[in-house]
Amino acid sequence: MSNTMALVSRWFRRRRGTVTGINATGLAAGGFLIVPFAAYMLEATGWRITWAILGMLVLGLGVPLSYLFLRDDPSKMGLQPDGDPEPPVEGPTEIPDRPRGPLEVDRWAQAFRSWPIWQLSGSYFVCGFTTSIISIHFVPFAIGQGISPVLAATIFSFMMALNMVGSLSAGFLSDRFGGSKNWLALVYFCRGSAYVLLLLVPGAMGLWVFAAVAGLSWVATNPLTTSLTADVYGVRALGTIGGISFFFHAMGAVISVPMAGFLYDATGSYTIPFAIAGSLLFPAAISAFTIRERKYSSRYAAAPAISGASGD
């Protein structure tokens, strides 16, 4: 996923948030469609045939489409990002075609000598922690609340469907109004509030409210984190930087899922693990909000006055 986001970031600058949001929508839509399809195939054919079919889908669709139509950089096709015309050349010196942010790097290790990447990666750890714990334990939690398995799965599917809306909205809003770090902070705050509501509102109502609020925030972190990372550190090493950031996301998942299972076995309740998850989201929101985007982002070097934006 980090490679895909790096590729998209090379092709788009002004609409980077929107396009990465569209890309993340594909990820959400894939999960929304593939999971029930895989469940049906498991029931009908068993896991061996199901895995074989999924593998053939990747080989038959993903590999040829990527090889035939994707290019690493628009310059390899004689193009500029966003479809812009080639910059004019006067004499032997080429006019720079874009501004560079003060933290833009050529090598990934240089990025980790500055504070914003740690703020982004730390909050991304919380993102992985709080999404994975629900992805695995939501249905068992709902059943424990007296909800039928069918209704629990329906609510979860509703939440996954809202991923697409949240992802598109987050990318569009960051491009339209600027201040990506503010939108990212809002996403984490809303998800934290959703956890609070899940624990306070009993029964199906609490599950539906959680699904509505959390669903809009689930994948919204992806385009915001990616576009902000690209704006601050550039695209030369974005694949590696994004991969390391996603490692933090994955580590959050690795820790949260077994932790929730262990605490449930020890206490007979999901209250403690869900409370831990919710409480982490508010510091994550603060971490994102305090990124000095206006100082470090190349977007503000390109357009120092963005209507409605608040980068600091």
C-alpha atoms as a PDB file:
ATOM      1  CA  MET A   1       0.000   0.000   0.000  1.00  0.00           C
ATOM      2  CA  SER A   2       2.862   2.418   0.753  1.00  0.00           C
ATOM      3  CA  ASN A   3       4.255   1.818  -2.748  1.00  0.00           C
ATOM      4  CA  THR A   4       0.898   2.670  -4.309  1.00  0.00           C
ATOM      5  CA  MET A   5       0.611   5.866  -2.296  1.00  0.00           C
ATOM      6  CA  ALA A   6       4.171   6.870  -3.240  1.00  0.00           C
ATOM      7  CA  LEU A   7       3.337   6.286  -6.896  1.00  0.00           C
ATOM      8  CA  VAL A   8       0.182   8.388  -6.699  1.00  0.00           C
ATOM      9  CA  SER A   9       2.071  11.171  -4.914  1.00  0.00           C
ATOM     10  CA  ARG A  10       4.556  11.445  -7.789  1.00  0.00           C
ATOM     11  CA  TRP A  11       1.753  11.982 -10.284  1.00  0.00           C
ATOM     12  CA  PHE A  12      -0.223  14.554  -8.313  1.00  0.00           C
ATOM     13  CA  ARG A  13       0.680  17.583  -6.194  1.00  0.00           C
ATOM     14  CA  ARG A  14      -2.193  20.060  -6.035  1.00  0.00           C
ATOM     15  CA  ARG A  15      -4.833  17.301  -5.799  1.00  0.00           C
ATOM     16  CA  ARG A  16      -2.705  14.805  -3.946  1.00  0.00           C
ATOM     17  CA  GLY A  17      -5.127  14.482  -1.049  1.00  0.00           C
ATOM     18  CA  THR A  18      -8.118  13.889  -3.312  1.00  0.00           C
ATOM     19  CA  VAL A  19      -6.362  11.308  -5.455  1.00  0.00           C
ATOM     20  CA  THR A  20      -4.885   9.415  -2.510  1.00  0.00           C
ATOM     21  CA  GLY A  21      -8.389   9.468  -1.045  1.00  0.00           C
ATOM     22  CA  ILE A  22      -9.737   7.882  -4.220  1.00  0.00           C
ATOM     23  CA  ASN A  23      -6.975   5.284  -4.027  1.00  0.00           C
ATOM     24  CA  ALA A  24      -7.830   4.512  -0.409  1.00  0.00           C
ATOM     25  CA  THR A  25     -11.470   4.234  -1.432  1.00  0.00           C
ATOM     26  CA  GLY A  26     -10.452   1.398  -3.715  1.00  0.00           C
ATOM     27  CA  LEU A  27      -8.846  -0.284  -0.727  1.00  0.00           C
ATOM     28  CA  ALA A  28     -12.036   0.119   1.307  1.00  0.00           C
ATOM     29  CA  ALA A  29     -14.227  -1.049  -1.561  1.00  0.00           C
ATOM     30  CA  GLY A  30     -12.030  -4.087  -2.054  1.00  0.00           C
ATOM     31  CA  GLY A  31     -12.439  -5.056   1.579  1.00  0.00           C
ATOM     32  CA  PHE A  32     -16.174  -4.408   1.429  1.00  0.00           C
ATOM     33  CA  LEU A  33     -16.586  -6.654  -1.639  1.00  0.00           C
ATOM     34  CA  ILE A  34     -13.893  -9.292  -1.193  1.00  0.00           C
ATOM     35  CA  VAL A  35     -14.669 -10.241   2.420  1.00  0.00           C
ATOM     36  CA  PRO A  36     -18.249 -11.444   1.788  1.00  0.00           C
ATOM     37  CA  PHE A  37     -17.149 -13.063  -1.482  1.00  0.00           C
ATOM     38  CA  ALA A  38     -14.351 -14.916   0.318  1.00  0.00           C
ATOM     39  CA  ALA A  39     -16.740 -15.948   3.104  1.00  0.00           C
ATOM     40  CA  TYR A  40     -19.167 -17.364   0.547  1.00  0.00           C
ATOM     41  CA  MET A  41     -16.386 -19.219  -1.275  1.00  0.00           C
ATOM     42  CA  LEU A  42     -15.075 -20.661   1.987  1.00  0.00           C
ATOM     43  CA  GLU A  43     -18.499 -22.100   2.725  1.00  0.00           C
ATOM     44  CA  ALA A  44     -19.000 -23.374  -0.811  1.00  0.00           C
ATOM     45  CA  THR A  45     -15.557 -24.718  -1.737  1.00  0.00           C
ATOM     46  CA  GLY A  46     -13.190 -24.705   1.267  1.00  0.00           C
ATOM     47  CA  TRP A  47     -10.127 -22.615   1.995  1.00  0.00           C
ATOM     48  CA  ARG A  48      -7.761 -24.136  -0.608  1.00  0.00           C
ATOM     49  CA  ILE A  49      -9.936 -23.317  -3.614  1.00  0.00           C
ATOM     50  CA  THR A  50     -10.840 -19.922  -2.128  1.00  0.00           C
ATOM     51  CA  TRP A  51      -7.196 -18.937  -1.745  1.00  0.00           C
ATOM     52  CA  ALA A  52      -6.446 -20.204  -5.245  1.00  0.00           C
ATOM     53  CA  ILE A  53      -9.254 -18.082  -6.710  1.00  0.00           C
ATOM     54  CA  LEU A  54      -8.129 -14.970  -4.816  1.00  0.00           C
ATOM     55  CA  GLY A  55      -4.566 -15.541  -5.982  1.00  0.00           C
ATOM     56  CA  MET A  56      -5.702 -15.893  -9.587  1.00  0.00           C
ATOM     57  CA  LEU A  57      -7.642 -12.632  -9.289  1.00  0.00           C
ATOM     58  CA  VAL A  58      -4.473 -10.833  -8.232  1.00  0.00           C
ATOM     59  CA  LEU A  59      -2.377 -12.463 -10.946  1.00  0.00           C
ATOM     60  CA  GLY A  60      -5.029 -12.077 -13.616  1.00  0.00           C
ATOM     61  CA  LEU A  61      -6.045  -8.489 -12.864  1.00  0.00           C
ATOM     62  CA  GLY A  62      -3.568  -6.729 -10.601  1.00  0.00           C
ATOM     63  CA  VAL A  63      -0.292  -7.764 -12.226  1.00  0.00           C
ATOM     64  CA  PRO A  64      -1.224  -7.112 -15.891  1.00  0.00           C
ATOM     65  CA  LEU A  65      -2.949  -3.800 -15.137  1.00  0.00           C
ATOM     66  CA  SER A  66       0.007  -2.588 -13.065  1.00  0.00           C
ATOM     67  CA  TYR A  67       2.569  -3.656 -15.663  1.00  0.00           C
ATOM     68  CA  LEU A  68       0.731  -2.293 -18.696  1.00  0.00           C
ATOM     69  CA  PHE A  69      -0.659   0.999 -17.430  1.00  0.00           C
ATOM     70  CA  LEU A  70       1.331   2.228 -14.422  1.00  0.00           C
ATOM     71  CA  ARG A  71       4.535   4.267 -14.682  1.00  0.00           C
ATOM     72  CA  ASP A  72       6.792   5.235 -11.795  1.00  0.00           C
ATOM     73  CA  ASP A  73       7.091   8.884 -12.736  1.00  0.00           C
ATOM     74  CA  PRO A  74       5.251  11.216 -15.132  1.00  0.00           C
ATOM     75  CA  SER A  75       8.597  12.399 -16.517  1.00  0.00           C
ATOM     76  CA  LYS A  76       9.098   8.955 -18.056  1.00  0.00           C
ATOM     77  CA  MET A  77       6.140   9.740 -20.308  1.00  0.00           C
ATOM     78  CA  GLY A  78       7.172  13.326 -20.977  1.00  0.00           C
ATOM     79  CA  LEU A  79       4.537  14.639 -18.573  1.00  0.00           C
ATOM     80  CA  GLN A  80       4.377  16.803 -15.477  1.00  0.00           C
ATOM     81  CA  PRO A  81       2.443  16.090 -12.252  1.00  0.00           C
ATOM     82  CA  ASP A  82      -1.223  17.123 -12.407  1.00  0.00           C
ATOM     83  CA  GLY A  83      -0.974  17.260 -16.215  1.00  0.00           C
ATOM     84  CA  ASP A  84       0.821  20.615 -16.066  1.00  0.00           C
ATOM     85  CA  PRO A  85       2.793  21.817 -19.111  1.00  0.00           C
ATOM     86  CA  GLU A  86       6.570  21.578 -19.162  1.00  0.00           C
ATOM     87  CA  PRO A  87       8.222  24.532 -17.378  1.00  0.00           C
ATOM     88  CA  PRO A  88       9.823  27.080 -19.718  1.00  0.00           C
ATOM     89  CA  VAL A  89      13.578  27.061 -20.207  1.00  0.00           C
ATOM     90  CA  GLU A  90      15.563  30.267 -20.664  1.00  0.00           C
ATOM     91  CA  GLY A  91      19.129  29.706 -21.752  1.00  0.00           C
ATOM     92  CA  PRO A  92      21.145  26.849 -20.241  1.00  0.00           C
ATOM     93  CA  THR A  93      19.439  27.025 -16.844  1.00  0.00           C
ATOM     94  CA  GLU A  94      16.135  25.282 -16.293  1.00  0.00           C
ATOM     95  CA  ILE A  95      13.622  27.138 -14.169  1.00  0.00           C
ATOM     96  CA  PRO A  96      12.603  25.065 -11.144  1.00  0.00           C
ATOM     97  CA  ASP A  97       9.186  23.525 -11.682  1.00  0.00           C
ATOM     98  CA  ARG A  98       8.178  23.295  -8.048  1.00  0.00           C
ATOM     99  CA  PRO A  99       9.117  24.541  -4.578  1.00  0.00           C
ATOM    100  CA  ARG A 100      10.976  22.400  -2.071  1.00  0.00           C
ATOM    101  CA  GLY A 101       9.977  22.284   1.556  1.00  0.00           C
ATOM    102  CA  PRO A 102      12.735  22.841   4.145  1.00  0.00           C
ATOM    103  CA  LEU A 103      12.584  19.182   5.249  1.00  0.00           C
ATOM    104  CA  GLU A 104      12.439  17.584   1.777  1.00  0.00           C
ATOM    105  CA  VAL A 105      14.887  14.670   1.648  1.00  0.00           C
ATOM    106  CA  ASP A 106      16.651  12.542  -0.932  1.00  0.00           C
ATOM    107  CA  ARG A 107      17.180   9.592   1.433  1.00  0.00           C
ATOM    108  CA  TRP A 108      14.673   8.120   3.845  1.00  0.00           C
ATOM    109  CA  ALA A 109      16.985   8.168   6.889  1.00  0.00           C
ATOM    110  CA  GLN A 110      17.178  11.954   6.728  1.00  0.00           C
ATOM    111  CA  ALA A 111      13.450  12.219   7.377  1.00  0.00           C
ATOM    112  CA  PHE A 112      13.727  10.510  10.752  1.00  0.00           C
ATOM    113  CA  ARG A 113      16.039  13.228  12.020  1.00  0.00           C
ATOM    114  CA  SER A 114      13.105  15.639  12.181  1.00  0.00           C
ATOM    115  CA  TRP A 115      10.081  15.709  14.447  1.00  0.00           C
ATOM    116  CA  PRO A 116       7.077  15.633  12.046  1.00  0.00           C
ATOM    117  CA  ILE A 117       7.695  12.067  10.839  1.00  0.00           C
ATOM    118  CA  TRP A 118       7.672  10.832  14.430  1.00  0.00           C
ATOM    119  CA  GLN A 119       4.417  12.682  15.080  1.00  0.00           C
ATOM    120  CA  LEU A 120       2.883  11.105  11.978  1.00  0.00           C
ATOM    121  CA  SER A 121       4.261   7.625  12.686  1.00  0.00           C
ATOM    122  CA  GLY A 122       3.246   7.713  16.341  1.00  0.00           C
ATOM    123  CA  SER A 123      -0.314   8.667  15.488  1.00  0.00           C
ATOM    124  CA  TYR A 124      -0.302   6.040  12.723  1.00  0.00           C
ATOM    125  CA  PHE A 125       0.613   3.444  15.356  1.00  0.00           C
ATOM    126  CA  VAL A 126      -2.538   4.451  17.224  1.00  0.00           C
ATOM    127  CA  CYS A 127      -4.496   4.231  13.976  1.00  0.00           C
ATOM    128  CA  GLY A 128      -3.420   0.623  13.466  1.00  0.00           C
ATOM    129  CA  PHE A 129      -4.076  -0.153  17.126  1.00  0.00           C
ATOM    130  CA  THR A 130      -7.615   1.207  17.081  1.00  0.00           C
ATOM    131  CA  THR A 131      -8.773  -0.091  13.694  1.00  0.00           C
ATOM    132  CA  SER A 132      -7.460  -3.633  14.045  1.00  0.00           C
ATOM    133  CA  ILE A 133      -8.883  -4.197  17.507  1.00  0.00           C
ATOM    134  CA  ILE A 134     -12.358  -3.405  16.180  1.00  0.00           C
ATOM    135  CA  SER A 135     -11.913  -5.325  12.939  1.00  0.00           C
ATOM    136  CA  ILE A 136     -11.308  -8.518  14.917  1.00  0.00           C
ATOM    137  CA  HIS A 137     -13.344  -8.000  18.088  1.00  0.00           C
ATOM    138  CA  PHE A 138     -16.351  -5.920  16.977  1.00  0.00           C
ATOM    139  CA  VAL A 139     -18.647  -8.833  16.153  1.00  0.00           C
ATOM    140  CA  PRO A 140     -17.804 -10.819  19.336  1.00  0.00           C
ATOM    141  CA  PHE A 141     -18.342  -7.627  21.357  1.00  0.00           C
ATOM    142  CA  ALA A 142     -21.725  -7.062  19.699  1.00  0.00           C
ATOM    143  CA  ILE A 143     -22.809 -10.654  20.292  1.00  0.00           C
ATOM    144  CA  GLY A 144     -21.835 -10.223  23.937  1.00  0.00           C
ATOM    145  CA  GLN A 145     -24.199  -7.229  24.029  1.00  0.00           C
ATOM    146  CA  GLY A 146     -27.056  -9.515  23.000  1.00  0.00           C
ATOM    147  CA  ILE A 147     -26.958  -8.606  19.301  1.00  0.00           C
ATOM    148  CA  SER A 148     -27.523 -11.369  16.765  1.00  0.00           C
ATOM    149  CA  PRO A 149     -24.531 -12.370  14.602  1.00  0.00           C
ATOM    150  CA  VAL A 150     -26.392 -11.290  11.451  1.00  0.00           C
ATOM    151  CA  LEU A 151     -27.147  -7.811  12.805  1.00  0.00           C
ATOM    152  CA  ALA A 152     -23.597  -7.465  14.131  1.00  0.00           C
ATOM    153  CA  ALA A 153     -22.176  -8.318  10.700  1.00  0.00           C
ATOM    154  CA  THR A 154     -24.619  -5.879   9.077  1.00  0.00           C
ATOM    155  CA  ILE A 155     -23.510  -3.031  11.338  1.00  0.00           C
ATOM    156  CA  PHE A 156     -19.876  -3.853  10.666  1.00  0.00           C
ATOM    157  CA  SER A 157     -20.503  -3.867   6.899  1.00  0.00           C
ATOM    158  CA  PHE A 158     -22.202  -0.471   7.233  1.00  0.00           C
ATOM    159  CA  MET A 159     -19.098   0.842   8.970  1.00  0.00           C
ATOM    160  CA  MET A 160     -16.852  -0.521   6.212  1.00  0.00           C
ATOM    161  CA  ALA A 161     -19.047   1.075   3.537  1.00  0.00           C
ATOM    162  CA  LEU A 162     -18.644   4.464   5.224  1.00  0.00           C
ATOM    163  CA  ASN A 163     -14.875   4.061   4.833  1.00  0.00           C
ATOM    164  CA  MET A 164     -15.246   5.106   1.213  1.00  0.00           C
ATOM    165  CA  VAL A 165     -17.158   8.262   2.124  1.00  0.00           C
ATOM    166  CA  GLY A 166     -14.656   9.202   4.813  1.00  0.00           C
ATOM    167  CA  SER A 167     -11.633   8.611   2.612  1.00  0.00           C
ATOM    168  CA  LEU A 168     -12.969  10.673  -0.289  1.00  0.00           C
ATOM    169  CA  SER A 169     -14.108  13.478   2.007  1.00  0.00           C
ATOM    170  CA  ALA A 170     -10.804  13.691   3.877  1.00  0.00           C
ATOM    171  CA  GLY A 171      -8.736  13.928   0.710  1.00  0.00           C
ATOM    172  CA  PHE A 172     -11.037  16.486  -0.901  1.00  0.00           C
ATOM    173  CA  LEU A 173     -11.241  18.703   2.191  1.00  0.00           C
ATOM    174  CA  SER A 174      -7.462  18.753   2.660  1.00  0.00           C
ATOM    175  CA  ASP A 175      -7.015  19.893  -0.951  1.00  0.00           C
ATOM    176  CA  ARG A 176      -9.867  22.378  -0.902  1.00  0.00           C
ATOM    177  CA  PHE A 177      -9.159  24.094   2.405  1.00  0.00           C
ATOM    178  CA  GLY A 178      -5.572  23.093   3.261  1.00  0.00           C
ATOM    179  CA  GLY A 179      -4.437  22.279   6.766  1.00  0.00           C
ATOM    180  CA  SER A 180      -4.080  18.509   6.307  1.00  0.00           C
ATOM    181  CA  LYS A 181      -2.820  18.104   9.852  1.00  0.00           C
ATOM    182  CA  ASN A 182      -5.982  19.738  11.198  1.00  0.00           C
ATOM    183  CA  TRP A 183      -8.206  17.296   9.322  1.00  0.00           C
ATOM    184  CA  LEU A 184      -6.020  14.423  10.488  1.00  0.00           C
ATOM    185  CA  ALA A 185      -6.355  15.570  14.095  1.00  0.00           C
ATOM    186  CA  LEU A 186     -10.128  15.830  13.652  1.00  0.00           C
ATOM    187  CA  VAL A 187     -10.265  12.272  12.309  1.00  0.00           C
ATOM    188  CA  TYR A 188      -8.451  10.906  15.361  1.00  0.00           C
ATOM    189  CA  PHE A 189     -10.617  12.977  17.702  1.00  0.00           C
ATOM    190  CA  CYS A 190     -13.827  11.701  16.078  1.00  0.00           C
ATOM    191  CA  ARG A 191     -12.659   8.108  16.282  1.00  0.00           C
ATOM    192  CA  GLY A 192     -11.794   8.562  19.954  1.00  0.00           C
ATOM    193  CA  SER A 193     -15.254  10.027  20.551  1.00  0.00           C
ATOM    194  CA  ALA A 194     -16.762   7.014  18.778  1.00  0.00           C
ATOM    195  CA  TYR A 195     -15.041   4.688  21.244  1.00  0.00           C
ATOM    196  CA  VAL A 196     -16.424   6.719  24.143  1.00  0.00           C
ATOM    197  CA  LEU A 197     -19.939   6.441  22.715  1.00  0.00           C
ATOM    198  CA  LEU A 198     -19.500   2.715  22.137  1.00  0.00           C
ATOM    199  CA  LEU A 199     -18.779   2.201  25.829  1.00  0.00           C
ATOM    200  CA  LEU A 200     -21.466   4.588  27.093  1.00  0.00           C
ATOM    201  CA  VAL A 201     -24.434   3.824  24.819  1.00  0.00           C
ATOM    202  CA  PRO A 202     -25.743   0.284  25.355  1.00  0.00           C
ATOM    203  CA  GLY A 203     -27.137  -2.170  22.836  1.00  0.00           C
ATOM    204  CA  ALA A 204     -27.623  -1.834  19.115  1.00  0.00           C
ATOM    205  CA  MET A 205     -27.920   1.960  19.269  1.00  0.00           C
ATOM    206  CA  GLY A 206     -24.364   2.285  20.556  1.00  0.00           C
ATOM    207  CA  LEU A 207     -23.097  -0.030  17.831  1.00  0.00           C
ATOM    208  CA  TRP A 208     -24.840   1.943  15.076  1.00  0.00           C
ATOM    209  CA  VAL A 209     -23.574   5.269  16.421  1.00  0.00           C
ATOM    210  CA  PHE A 210     -20.052   3.900  16.664  1.00  0.00           C
ATOM    211  CA  ALA A 211     -20.251   2.505  13.130  1.00  0.00           C
ATOM    212  CA  ALA A 212     -21.400   5.856  11.741  1.00  0.00           C
ATOM    213  CA  VAL A 213     -18.756   7.990  13.463  1.00  0.00           C
ATOM    214  CA  ALA A 214     -15.857   5.547  13.327  1.00  0.00           C
ATOM    215  CA  GLY A 215     -16.634   4.414   9.789  1.00  0.00           C
ATOM    216  CA  LEU A 216     -16.081   7.921   8.444  1.00  0.00           C
ATOM    217  CA  SER A 217     -12.675   8.045  10.159  1.00  0.00           C
ATOM    218  CA  TRP A 218     -11.419   4.525   9.468  1.00  0.00           C
ATOM    219  CA  VAL A 219      -9.506   4.933   6.185  1.00  0.00           C
ATOM    220  CA  ALA A 220      -9.526   8.743   6.220  1.00  0.00           C
ATOM    221  CA  THR A 221      -6.149   8.726   7.960  1.00  0.00           C
ATOM    222  CA  ASN A 222      -4.552   7.097   4.919  1.00  0.00           C
ATOM    223  CA  PRO A 223      -4.807   9.916   2.347  1.00  0.00           C
ATOM    224  CA  LEU A 224      -4.170  12.582   4.975  1.00  0.00           C
ATOM    225  CA  THR A 225      -1.040  10.912   6.361  1.00  0.00           C
ATOM    226  CA  THR A 226       0.318  10.100   2.906  1.00  0.00           C
ATOM    227  CA  SER A 227      -0.274  13.520   1.379  1.00  0.00           C
ATOM    228  CA  LEU A 228       1.118  15.315   4.430  1.00  0.00           C
ATOM    229  CA  THR A 229       4.224  13.107   4.439  1.00  0.00           C
ATOM    230  CA  ALA A 230       4.774  13.799   0.732  1.00  0.00           C
ATOM    231  CA  ASP A 231       4.227  17.534   1.200  1.00  0.00           C
ATOM    232  CA  VAL A 232       6.800  17.707   3.997  1.00  0.00           C
ATOM    233  CA  TYR A 233       9.459  15.225   2.842  1.00  0.00           C
ATOM    234  CA  GLY A 234       8.987  15.110  -0.934  1.00  0.00           C
ATOM    235  CA  VAL A 235       8.537  12.041  -3.108  1.00  0.00           C
ATOM    236  CA  ARG A 236      12.101  10.868  -3.736  1.00  0.00           C
ATOM    237  CA  ALA A 237      12.170   8.548  -0.715  1.00  0.00           C
ATOM    238  CA  LEU A 238       8.433   8.459  -0.056  1.00  0.00           C
ATOM    239  CA  GLY A 239       8.077   4.727  -0.712  1.00  0.00           C
ATOM    240  CA  THR A 240      10.508   3.837   2.067  1.00  0.00           C
ATOM    241  CA  ILE A 241       9.311   6.563   4.424  1.00  0.00           C
ATOM    242  CA  GLY A 242       5.707   5.515   3.897  1.00  0.00           C
ATOM    243  CA  GLY A 243       6.627   1.867   4.377  1.00  0.00           C
ATOM    244  CA  ILE A 244       8.282   2.609   7.711  1.00  0.00           C
ATOM    245  CA  SER A 245       5.283   4.683   8.810  1.00  0.00           C
ATOM    246  CA  PHE A 246       3.012   1.804   7.866  1.00  0.00           C
ATOM    247  CA  PHE A 247       5.264  -0.481   9.926  1.00  0.00           C
ATOM    248  CA  PHE A 248       4.193   1.574  12.954  1.00  0.00           C
ATOM    249  CA  HIS A 249       0.577   1.089  11.867  1.00  0.00           C
ATOM    250  CA  ALA A 250       1.124  -2.662  11.595  1.00  0.00           C
ATOM    251  CA  MET A 251       2.805  -2.798  15.003  1.00  0.00           C
ATOM    252  CA  GLY A 252      -0.251  -1.163  16.523  1.00  0.00           C
ATOM    253  CA  ALA A 253      -2.345  -3.937  15.008  1.00  0.00           C
ATOM    254  CA  VAL A 254       0.025  -6.662  16.191  1.00  0.00           C
ATOM    255  CA  ILE A 255      -0.159  -5.397  19.767  1.00  0.00           C
ATOM    256  CA  SER A 256      -3.839  -4.494  20.044  1.00  0.00           C
ATOM    257  CA  VAL A 257      -5.540  -7.637  18.755  1.00  0.00           C
ATOM    258  CA  PRO A 258      -3.975 -10.199  21.145  1.00  0.00           C
ATOM    259  CA  MET A 259      -4.034  -7.662  23.991  1.00  0.00           C
ATOM    260  CA  ALA A 260      -7.805  -7.303  23.627  1.00  0.00           C
ATOM    261  CA  GLY A 261      -8.245 -11.073  23.573  1.00  0.00           C
ATOM    262  CA  PHE A 262      -6.084 -11.518  26.661  1.00  0.00           C
ATOM    263  CA  LEU A 263      -7.920  -8.803  28.607  1.00  0.00           C
ATOM    264  CA  TYR A 264     -11.287 -10.209  27.592  1.00  0.00           C
ATOM    265  CA  ASP A 265     -10.288 -13.659  28.832  1.00  0.00           C
ATOM    266  CA  ALA A 266      -9.010 -12.139  32.078  1.00  0.00           C
ATOM    267  CA  THR A 267     -11.973  -9.852  32.785  1.00  0.00           C
ATOM    268  CA  GLY A 268     -14.859 -11.256  30.745  1.00  0.00           C
ATOM    269  CA  SER A 269     -15.388  -7.841  29.148  1.00  0.00           C
ATOM    270  CA  TYR A 270     -14.104  -5.658  26.312  1.00  0.00           C
ATOM    271  CA  THR A 271     -14.424  -2.500  28.395  1.00  0.00           C
ATOM    272  CA  ILE A 272     -10.738  -2.223  29.322  1.00  0.00           C
ATOM    273  CA  PRO A 273      -9.225  -2.881  25.857  1.00  0.00           C
ATOM    274  CA  PHE A 274     -11.725  -0.569  24.154  1.00  0.00           C
ATOM    275  CA  ALA A 275     -11.116   2.114  26.796  1.00  0.00           C
ATOM    276  CA  ILE A 276      -7.371   1.841  26.179  1.00  0.00           C
ATOM    277  CA  ALA A 277      -7.916   2.167  22.434  1.00  0.00           C
ATOM    278  CA  GLY A 278     -10.178   5.177  22.810  1.00  0.00           C
ATOM    279  CA  SER A 279      -7.861   6.938  25.256  1.00  0.00           C
ATOM    280  CA  LEU A 280      -4.911   6.658  22.849  1.00  0.00           C
ATOM    281  CA  LEU A 281      -6.753   8.489  20.093  1.00  0.00           C
ATOM    282  CA  PHE A 282      -6.873  11.843  21.855  1.00  0.00           C
ATOM    283  CA  PRO A 283      -3.062  12.103  22.260  1.00  0.00           C
ATOM    284  CA  ALA A 284      -2.822  11.004  18.608  1.00  0.00           C
ATOM    285  CA  ALA A 285      -5.092  13.912  17.677  1.00  0.00           C
ATOM    286  CA  ILE A 286      -2.863  16.313  19.618  1.00  0.00           C
ATOM    287  CA  SER A 287       0.250  14.858  17.968  1.00  0.00           C
ATOM    288  CA  ALA A 288      -1.206  15.445  14.503  1.00  0.00           C
ATOM    289  CA  PHE A 289      -2.547  18.896  15.354  1.00  0.00           C
ATOM    290  CA  THR A 290       0.821  20.162  16.616  1.00  0.00           C
ATOM    291  CA  ILE A 291       2.684  19.328  13.378  1.00  0.00           C
ATOM    292  CA  ARG A 292       4.036  22.622  12.019  1.00  0.00           C
ATOM    293  CA  GLU A 293       2.583  22.106   8.572  1.00  0.00           C
ATOM    294  CA  ARG A 294       2.705  25.729   7.449  1.00  0.00           C
ATOM    295  CA  LYS A 295       6.422  25.880   8.206  1.00  0.00           C
ATOM    296  CA  TYR A 296       7.465  22.576   6.619  1.00  0.00           C
ATOM    297  CA  SER A 297       4.963  21.708   3.869  1.00  0.00           C
ATOM    298  CA  SER A 298       5.838  22.485   0.249  1.00  0.00           C
ATOM    299  CA  ARG A 299       2.159  23.327  -0.313  1.00  0.00           C
ATOM    300  CA  TYR A 300       2.573  26.536   1.614  1.00  0.00           C
ATOM    301  CA  ALA A 301       5.757  27.382  -0.236  1.00  0.00           C
ATOM    302  CA  ALA A 302       3.763  26.987  -3.479  1.00  0.00           C
ATOM    303  CA  ALA A 303       0.725  28.909  -2.262  1.00  0.00           C
ATOM    304  CA  PRO A 304       1.447  30.854   0.908  1.00  0.00           C
ATOM    305  CA  ALA A 305      -2.134  32.071   1.169  1.00  0.00           C
ATOM    306  CA  ILE A 306      -4.713  29.292   0.954  1.00  0.00           C
ATOM    307  CA  SER A 307      -8.246  30.448   1.590  1.00  0.00           C
ATOM    308  CA  GLY A 308      -9.644  28.844   4.698  1.00  0.00           C
ATOM    309  CA  ALA A 309      -6.415  26.976   5.489  1.00  0.00           C
ATOM    310  CA  SER A 310      -4.887  26.857   8.906  1.00  0.00           C
ATOM    311  CA  GLY A 311      -1.605  25.026   8.828  1.00  0.00           C
ATOM    312  CA  ASP A 312      -0.374  26.124  12.238  1.00  0.00           C
END
